[in-house]
Amino acid sequence: RAVVVLHEPPVRAHCSPTGLTEGSVVTVRLL
């Protein structure tokens, strides 16, 4: 799993790590 922090609101979440790299800014969708 990956640990990400949303920019707004600044909450942490877990998601699939596939294709992600630490320190990168990505887009996530709320399920």
PDB file of all heavy atoms in Angstrom:
ATOM      1  N   ARG A   1       0.843  -1.187   0.000  1.00  0.00           N
ATOM      2  CA  ARG A   1       0.000   0.000   0.000  1.00  0.00           C
ATOM      3  C   ARG A   1       0.883   1.243   0.000  1.00  0.00           C
ATOM      4  O   ARG A   1       2.066   1.192   0.347  1.00  0.00           O
ATOM      5  CB  ARG A   1      -0.921   0.021   1.216  1.00  0.00           C
ATOM      6  CG  ARG A   1      -0.209   0.258   2.533  1.00  0.00           C
ATOM      7  CD  ARG A   1      -1.160   0.179   3.707  1.00  0.00           C
ATOM      8  NE  ARG A   1      -0.509   0.595   4.950  1.00  0.00           N
ATOM      9  CZ  ARG A   1      -1.059   0.506   6.152  1.00  0.00           C
ATOM     10  NH1 ARG A   1      -2.278   0.010   6.271  1.00  0.00           N
ATOM     11  NH2 ARG A   1      -0.402   0.919   7.224  1.00  0.00           N
ATOM     12  N   ALA A   2       0.280   2.334  -0.410  1.00  0.00           N
ATOM     13  CA  ALA A   2       0.950   3.634  -0.348  1.00  0.00           C
ATOM     14  C   ALA A   2       0.244   4.497   0.683  1.00  0.00           C
ATOM     15  O   ALA A   2      -0.976   4.375   0.893  1.00  0.00           O
ATOM     16  CB  ALA A   2       0.917   4.312  -1.709  1.00  0.00           C
ATOM     17  N   VAL A   3       1.017   5.367   1.327  1.00  0.00           N
ATOM     18  CA  VAL A   3       0.452   6.369   2.225  1.00  0.00           C
ATOM     19  C   VAL A   3       0.498   7.703   1.492  1.00  0.00           C
ATOM     20  O   VAL A   3       1.569   8.142   1.047  1.00  0.00           O
ATOM     21  CB  VAL A   3       1.253   6.468   3.539  1.00  0.00           C
ATOM     22  CG1 VAL A   3       0.635   7.531   4.445  1.00  0.00           C
ATOM     23  CG2 VAL A   3       1.295   5.122   4.248  1.00  0.00           C
ATOM     24  N   VAL A   4      -0.667   8.330   1.337  1.00  0.00           N
ATOM     25  CA  VAL A   4      -0.739   9.628   0.660  1.00  0.00           C
ATOM     26  C   VAL A   4      -1.399  10.630   1.603  1.00  0.00           C
ATOM     27  O   VAL A   4      -2.144  10.245   2.516  1.00  0.00           O
ATOM     28  CB  VAL A   4      -1.532   9.551  -0.662  1.00  0.00           C
ATOM     29  CG1 VAL A   4      -0.894   8.557  -1.619  1.00  0.00           C
ATOM     30  CG2 VAL A   4      -2.999   9.190  -0.416  1.00  0.00           C
ATOM     31  N   VAL A   5      -1.128  11.902   1.384  1.00  0.00           N
ATOM     32  CA  VAL A   5      -1.825  12.943   2.129  1.00  0.00           C
ATOM     33  C   VAL A   5      -2.499  13.856   1.129  1.00  0.00           C
ATOM     34  O   VAL A   5      -1.866  14.360   0.191  1.00  0.00           O
ATOM     35  CB  VAL A   5      -0.871  13.730   3.059  1.00  0.00           C
ATOM     36  CG1 VAL A   5       0.243  14.406   2.282  1.00  0.00           C
ATOM     37  CG2 VAL A   5      -1.653  14.766   3.878  1.00  0.00           C
ATOM     38  N   LEU A   6      -3.818  14.012   1.261  1.00  0.00           N
ATOM     39  CA  LEU A   6      -4.556  14.916   0.390  1.00  0.00           C
ATOM     40  C   LEU A   6      -4.125  16.341   0.704  1.00  0.00           C
ATOM     41  O   LEU A   6      -3.829  16.672   1.845  1.00  0.00           O
ATOM     42  CB  LEU A   6      -6.059  14.765   0.619  1.00  0.00           C
ATOM     43  CG  LEU A   6      -6.788  13.617  -0.101  1.00  0.00           C
ATOM     44  CD1 LEU A   6      -6.236  12.256   0.304  1.00  0.00           C
ATOM     45  CD2 LEU A   6      -8.287  13.674   0.178  1.00  0.00           C
ATOM     46  N   HIS A   7      -4.117  17.187  -0.303  1.00  0.00           N
ATOM     47  CA  HIS A   7      -3.709  18.572  -0.075  1.00  0.00           C
ATOM     48  C   HIS A   7      -4.799  19.368   0.624  1.00  0.00           C
ATOM     49  O   HIS A   7      -4.503  20.245   1.445  1.00  0.00           O
ATOM     50  CB  HIS A   7      -3.342  19.230  -1.409  1.00  0.00           C
ATOM     51  CG  HIS A   7      -2.089  18.653  -2.016  1.00  0.00           C
ATOM     52  ND1 HIS A   7      -1.533  19.141  -3.167  1.00  0.00           N
ATOM     53  CD2 HIS A   7      -1.281  17.624  -1.620  1.00  0.00           C
ATOM     54  CE1 HIS A   7      -0.432  18.437  -3.458  1.00  0.00           C
ATOM     55  NE2 HIS A   7      -0.282  17.510  -2.537  1.00  0.00           N
ATOM     56  N   GLU A   8      -6.060  19.091   0.328  1.00  0.00           N
ATOM     57  CA  GLU A   8      -7.166  19.804   0.964  1.00  0.00           C
ATOM     58  C   GLU A   8      -8.425  18.943   0.868  1.00  0.00           C
ATOM     59  O   GLU A   8      -8.897  18.679  -0.247  1.00  0.00           O
ATOM     60  CB  GLU A   8      -7.401  21.146   0.281  1.00  0.00           C
ATOM     61  CG  GLU A   8      -8.441  22.012   0.971  1.00  0.00           C
ATOM     62  CD  GLU A   8      -8.081  22.321   2.418  1.00  0.00           C
ATOM     63  OE1 GLU A   8      -6.903  22.605   2.713  1.00  0.00           O
ATOM     64  OE2 GLU A   8      -8.996  22.266   3.257  1.00  0.00           O
ATOM     65  N   PRO A   9      -8.936  18.483   1.999  1.00  0.00           N
ATOM     66  CA  PRO A   9      -8.418  18.656   3.362  1.00  0.00           C
ATOM     67  C   PRO A   9      -7.154  17.810   3.571  1.00  0.00           C
ATOM     68  O   PRO A   9      -6.999  16.764   2.917  1.00  0.00           O
ATOM     69  CB  PRO A   9      -9.568  18.159   4.236  1.00  0.00           C
ATOM     70  CG  PRO A   9     -10.276  17.147   3.386  1.00  0.00           C
ATOM     71  CD  PRO A   9     -10.191  17.679   1.992  1.00  0.00           C
ATOM     72  N   PRO A  10      -6.248  18.234   4.468  1.00  0.00           N
ATOM     73  CA  PRO A  10      -4.963  17.545   4.618  1.00  0.00           C
ATOM     74  C   PRO A  10      -5.082  16.277   5.451  1.00  0.00           C
ATOM     75  O   PRO A  10      -4.683  16.228   6.618  1.00  0.00           O
ATOM     76  CB  PRO A  10      -4.101  18.601   5.315  1.00  0.00           C
ATOM     77  CG  PRO A  10      -5.070  19.390   6.123  1.00  0.00           C
ATOM     78  CD  PRO A  10      -6.341  19.435   5.319  1.00  0.00           C
ATOM     79  N   VAL A  11      -5.668  15.227   4.861  1.00  0.00           N
ATOM     80  CA  VAL A  11      -5.850  13.966   5.571  1.00  0.00           C
ATOM     81  C   VAL A  11      -5.018  12.878   4.901  1.00  0.00           C
ATOM     82  O   VAL A  11      -4.775  12.915   3.689  1.00  0.00           O
ATOM     83  CB  VAL A  11      -7.332  13.547   5.605  1.00  0.00           C
ATOM     84  CG1 VAL A  11      -8.157  14.598   6.309  1.00  0.00           C
ATOM     85  CG2 VAL A  11      -7.875  13.303   4.210  1.00  0.00           C
ATOM     86  N   ARG A  12      -4.591  11.923   5.704  1.00  0.00           N
ATOM     87  CA  ARG A  12      -3.809  10.797   5.185  1.00  0.00           C
ATOM     88  C   ARG A  12      -4.733   9.660   4.798  1.00  0.00           C
ATOM     89  O   ARG A  12      -5.782   9.453   5.411  1.00  0.00           O
ATOM     90  CB  ARG A  12      -2.806  10.314   6.238  1.00  0.00           C
ATOM     91  CG  ARG A  12      -1.765  11.355   6.568  1.00  0.00           C
ATOM     92  CD  ARG A  12      -0.696  10.790   7.467  1.00  0.00           C
ATOM     93  NE  ARG A  12       0.247  11.835   7.823  1.00  0.00           N
ATOM     94  CZ  ARG A  12       1.492  11.623   8.208  1.00  0.00           C
ATOM     95  NH1 ARG A  12       1.940  10.382   8.302  1.00  0.00           N
ATOM     96  NH2 ARG A  12       2.285  12.621   8.512  1.00  0.00           N
ATOM     97  N   ALA A  13      -4.318   8.923   3.790  1.00  0.00           N
ATOM     98  CA  ALA A  13      -5.106   7.794   3.324  1.00  0.00           C
ATOM     99  C   ALA A  13      -4.174   6.729   2.775  1.00  0.00           C
ATOM    100  O   ALA A  13      -3.013   7.003   2.444  1.00  0.00           O
ATOM    101  CB  ALA A  13      -6.096   8.242   2.241  1.00  0.00           C
ATOM    102  N   HIS A  14      -4.688   5.512   2.682  1.00  0.00           N
ATOM    103  CA  HIS A  14      -3.959   4.413   2.065  1.00  0.00           C
ATOM    104  C   HIS A  14      -4.589   4.106   0.714  1.00  0.00           C
ATOM    105  O   HIS A  14      -5.804   4.235   0.525  1.00  0.00           O
ATOM    106  CB  HIS A  14      -4.023   3.157   2.944  1.00  0.00           C
ATOM    107  CG  HIS A  14      -3.375   3.331   4.278  1.00  0.00           C
ATOM    108  ND1 HIS A  14      -3.895   2.819   5.440  1.00  0.00           N
ATOM    109  CD2 HIS A  14      -2.255   3.993   4.637  1.00  0.00           C
ATOM    110  CE1 HIS A  14      -3.107   3.132   6.456  1.00  0.00           C
ATOM    111  NE2 HIS A  14      -2.117   3.852   5.985  1.00  0.00           N
ATOM    112  N   CYS A  15      -3.756   3.696  -0.235  1.00  0.00           N
ATOM    113  CA  CYS A  15      -4.269   3.294  -1.542  1.00  0.00           C
ATOM    114  C   CYS A  15      -3.283   2.322  -2.177  1.00  0.00           C
ATOM    115  O   CYS A  15      -2.216   2.031  -1.609  1.00  0.00           O
ATOM    116  CB  CYS A  15      -4.495   4.512  -2.442  1.00  0.00           C
ATOM    117  SG  CYS A  15      -2.995   5.405  -2.881  1.00  0.00           S
ATOM    118  N   SER A  16      -3.608   1.843  -3.344  1.00  0.00           N
ATOM    119  CA  SER A  16      -2.712   0.939  -4.065  1.00  0.00           C
ATOM    120  C   SER A  16      -1.416   1.666  -4.423  1.00  0.00           C
ATOM    121  O   SER A  16      -1.443   2.824  -4.846  1.00  0.00           O
ATOM    122  CB  SER A  16      -3.392   0.446  -5.340  1.00  0.00           C
ATOM    123  OG  SER A  16      -2.444  -0.185  -6.183  1.00  0.00           O
ATOM    124  N   PRO A  17      -0.264   0.976  -4.272  1.00  0.00           N
ATOM    125  CA  PRO A  17       1.004   1.639  -4.587  1.00  0.00           C
ATOM    126  C   PRO A  17       1.414   1.531  -6.046  1.00  0.00           C
ATOM    127  O   PRO A  17       2.419   2.125  -6.449  1.00  0.00           O
ATOM    128  CB  PRO A  17       1.992   0.871  -3.704  1.00  0.00           C
ATOM    129  CG  PRO A  17       1.448  -0.521  -3.677  1.00  0.00           C
ATOM    130  CD  PRO A  17      -0.064  -0.361  -3.676  1.00  0.00           C
ATOM    131  N   THR A  18       0.653   0.785  -6.828  1.00  0.00           N
ATOM    132  CA  THR A  18       1.057   0.506  -8.204  1.00  0.00           C
ATOM    133  C   THR A  18       1.263   1.797  -9.001  1.00  0.00           C
ATOM    134  O   THR A  18       0.359   2.638  -9.097  1.00  0.00           O
ATOM    135  CB  THR A  18       0.002  -0.363  -8.914  1.00  0.00           C
ATOM    136  OG1 THR A  18      -0.207  -1.550  -8.150  1.00  0.00           O
ATOM    137  CG2 THR A  18       0.465  -0.739 -10.312  1.00  0.00           C
ATOM    138  N   GLY A  19       2.468   1.966  -9.536  1.00  0.00           N
ATOM    139  CA  GLY A  19       2.781   3.111 -10.374  1.00  0.00           C
ATOM    140  C   GLY A  19       3.093   4.390  -9.620  1.00  0.00           C
ATOM    141  O   GLY A  19       3.366   5.417 -10.250  1.00  0.00           O
ATOM    142  N   LEU A  20       3.081   4.360  -8.290  1.00  0.00           N
ATOM    143  CA  LEU A  20       3.337   5.557  -7.503  1.00  0.00           C
ATOM    144  C   LEU A  20       4.790   5.597  -7.026  1.00  0.00           C
ATOM    145  O   LEU A  20       5.419   4.561  -6.829  1.00  0.00           O
ATOM    146  CB  LEU A  20       2.405   5.620  -6.284  1.00  0.00           C
ATOM    147  CG  LEU A  20       0.897   5.576  -6.554  1.00  0.00           C
ATOM    148  CD1 LEU A  20       0.123   5.751  -5.266  1.00  0.00           C
ATOM    149  CD2 LEU A  20       0.491   6.630  -7.579  1.00  0.00           C
ATOM    150  N   THR A  21       5.313   6.797  -6.827  1.00  0.00           N
ATOM    151  CA  THR A  21       6.664   6.970  -6.294  1.00  0.00           C
ATOM    152  C   THR A  21       6.624   7.951  -5.139  1.00  0.00           C
ATOM    153  O   THR A  21       5.850   8.919  -5.163  1.00  0.00           O
ATOM    154  CB  THR A  21       7.641   7.490  -7.366  1.00  0.00           C
ATOM    155  OG1 THR A  21       7.145   8.733  -7.881  1.00  0.00           O
ATOM    156  CG2 THR A  21       7.788   6.499  -8.507  1.00  0.00           C
ATOM    157  N   GLU A  22       7.436   7.696  -4.129  1.00  0.00           N
ATOM    158  CA  GLU A  22       7.468   8.563  -2.959  1.00  0.00           C
ATOM    159  C   GLU A  22       7.872   9.984  -3.351  1.00  0.00           C
ATOM    160  O   GLU A  22       8.765  10.192  -4.173  1.00  0.00           O
ATOM    161  CB  GLU A  22       8.448   8.013  -1.919  1.00  0.00           C
ATOM    162  CG  GLU A  22       7.946   6.746  -1.255  1.00  0.00           C
ATOM    163  CD  GLU A  22       8.882   6.278  -0.141  1.00  0.00           C
ATOM    164  OE1 GLU A  22       9.995   6.824  -0.037  1.00  0.00           O
ATOM    165  OE2 GLU A  22       8.500   5.361   0.616  1.00  0.00           O
ATOM    166  N   GLY A  23       7.180  10.961  -2.756  1.00  0.00           N
ATOM    167  CA  GLY A  23       7.492  12.358  -3.004  1.00  0.00           C
ATOM    168  C   GLY A  23       6.776  12.954  -4.197  1.00  0.00           C
ATOM    169  O   GLY A  23       6.829  14.166  -4.401  1.00  0.00           O
ATOM    170  N   SER A  24       6.082  12.125  -4.986  1.00  0.00           N
ATOM    171  CA  SER A  24       5.393  12.646  -6.162  1.00  0.00           C
ATOM    172  C   SER A  24       4.010  13.167  -5.786  1.00  0.00           C
ATOM    173  O   SER A  24       3.427  12.775  -4.773  1.00  0.00           O
ATOM    174  CB  SER A  24       5.247  11.558  -7.223  1.00  0.00           C
ATOM    175  OG  SER A  24       4.470  10.470  -6.723  1.00  0.00           O
ATOM    176  N   VAL A  25       3.491  14.074  -6.595  1.00  0.00           N
ATOM    177  CA  VAL A  25       2.138  14.586  -6.429  1.00  0.00           C
ATOM    178  C   VAL A  25       1.249  13.892  -7.436  1.00  0.00           C
ATOM    179  O   VAL A  25       1.543  13.887  -8.640  1.00  0.00           O
ATOM    180  CB  VAL A  25       2.087  16.118  -6.612  1.00  0.00           C
ATOM    181  CG1 VAL A  25       0.653  16.625  -6.529  1.00  0.00           C
ATOM    182  CG2 VAL A  25       2.951  16.808  -5.556  1.00  0.00           C
ATOM    183  N   VAL A  26       0.180  13.258  -6.951  1.00  0.00           N
ATOM    184  CA  VAL A  26      -0.710  12.474  -7.804  1.00  0.00           C
ATOM    185  C   VAL A  26      -2.140  12.942  -7.587  1.00  0.00           C
ATOM    186  O   VAL A  26      -2.419  13.796  -6.741  1.00  0.00           O
ATOM    187  CB  VAL A  26      -0.587  10.970  -7.474  1.00  0.00           C
ATOM    188  CG1 VAL A  26       0.827  10.472  -7.735  1.00  0.00           C
ATOM    189  CG2 VAL A  26      -0.996  10.688  -6.031  1.00  0.00           C
ATOM    190  N   THR A  27      -3.048  12.366  -8.355  1.00  0.00           N
ATOM    191  CA  THR A  27      -4.476  12.607  -8.177  1.00  0.00           C
ATOM    192  C   THR A  27      -5.117  11.330  -7.668  1.00  0.00           C
ATOM    193  O   THR A  27      -4.843  10.239  -8.168  1.00  0.00           O
ATOM    194  CB  THR A  27      -5.132  13.017  -9.506  1.00  0.00           C
ATOM    195  OG1 THR A  27      -4.498  14.213  -9.989  1.00  0.00           O
ATOM    196  CG2 THR A  27      -6.614  13.283  -9.316  1.00  0.00           C
ATOM    197  N   VAL A  28      -5.952  11.466  -6.622  1.00  0.00           N
ATOM    198  CA  VAL A  28      -6.681  10.306  -6.110  1.00  0.00           C
ATOM    199  C   VAL A  28      -8.171  10.607  -6.156  1.00  0.00           C
ATOM    200  O   VAL A  28      -8.591  11.767  -6.121  1.00  0.00           O
ATOM    201  CB  VAL A  28      -6.254   9.944  -4.675  1.00  0.00           C
ATOM    202  CG1 VAL A  28      -4.784   9.550  -4.629  1.00  0.00           C
ATOM    203  CG2 VAL A  28      -6.547  11.079  -3.702  1.00  0.00           C
ATOM    204  N   ARG A  29      -8.946   9.543  -6.265  1.00  0.00           N
ATOM    205  CA  ARG A  29     -10.409   9.679  -6.286  1.00  0.00           C
ATOM    206  C   ARG A  29     -10.977   9.099  -4.992  1.00  0.00           C
ATOM    207  O   ARG A  29     -10.547   8.035  -4.531  1.00  0.00           O
ATOM    208  CB  ARG A  29     -11.002   8.942  -7.477  1.00  0.00           C
ATOM    209  CG  ARG A  29     -12.538   9.011  -7.549  1.00  0.00           C
ATOM    210  CD  ARG A  29     -13.092   8.250  -8.732  1.00  0.00           C
ATOM    211  NE  ARG A  29     -12.700   8.896  -9.977  1.00  0.00           N
ATOM    212  CZ  ARG A  29     -11.854   8.362 -10.872  1.00  0.00           C
ATOM    213  NH1 ARG A  29     -11.293   7.184 -10.634  1.00  0.00           N
ATOM    214  NH2 ARG A  29     -11.556   9.010 -11.987  1.00  0.00           N
ATOM    215  N   LEU A  30     -11.933   9.817  -4.401  1.00  0.00           N
ATOM    216  CA  LEU A  30     -12.598   9.336  -3.198  1.00  0.00           C
ATOM    217  C   LEU A  30     -13.647   8.299  -3.578  1.00  0.00           C
ATOM    218  O   LEU A  30     -14.569   8.586  -4.340  1.00  0.00           O
ATOM    219  CB  LEU A  30     -13.261  10.507  -2.465  1.00  0.00           C
ATOM    220  CG  LEU A  30     -14.018  10.158  -1.183  1.00  0.00           C
ATOM    221  CD1 LEU A  30     -13.057   9.640  -0.108  1.00  0.00           C
ATOM    222  CD2 LEU A  30     -14.792  11.373  -0.675  1.00  0.00           C
ATOM    223  N   LEU A  31     -13.484   7.093  -3.035  1.00  0.00           N
ATOM    224  CA  LEU A  31     -14.428   6.014  -3.314  1.00  0.00           C
ATOM    225  C   LEU A  31     -15.569   5.986  -2.308  1.00  0.00           C
ATOM    226  O   LEU A  31     -16.717   5.741  -2.660  1.00  0.00           O
ATOM    227  CB  LEU A  31     -13.711   4.669  -3.311  1.00  0.00           C
ATOM    228  CG  LEU A  31     -12.622   4.474  -4.369  1.00  0.00           C
ATOM    229  CD1 LEU A  31     -11.973   3.105  -4.209  1.00  0.00           C
ATOM    230  CD2 LEU A  31     -13.197   4.637  -5.771  1.00  0.00           C
TER     231      LEU A  31
END
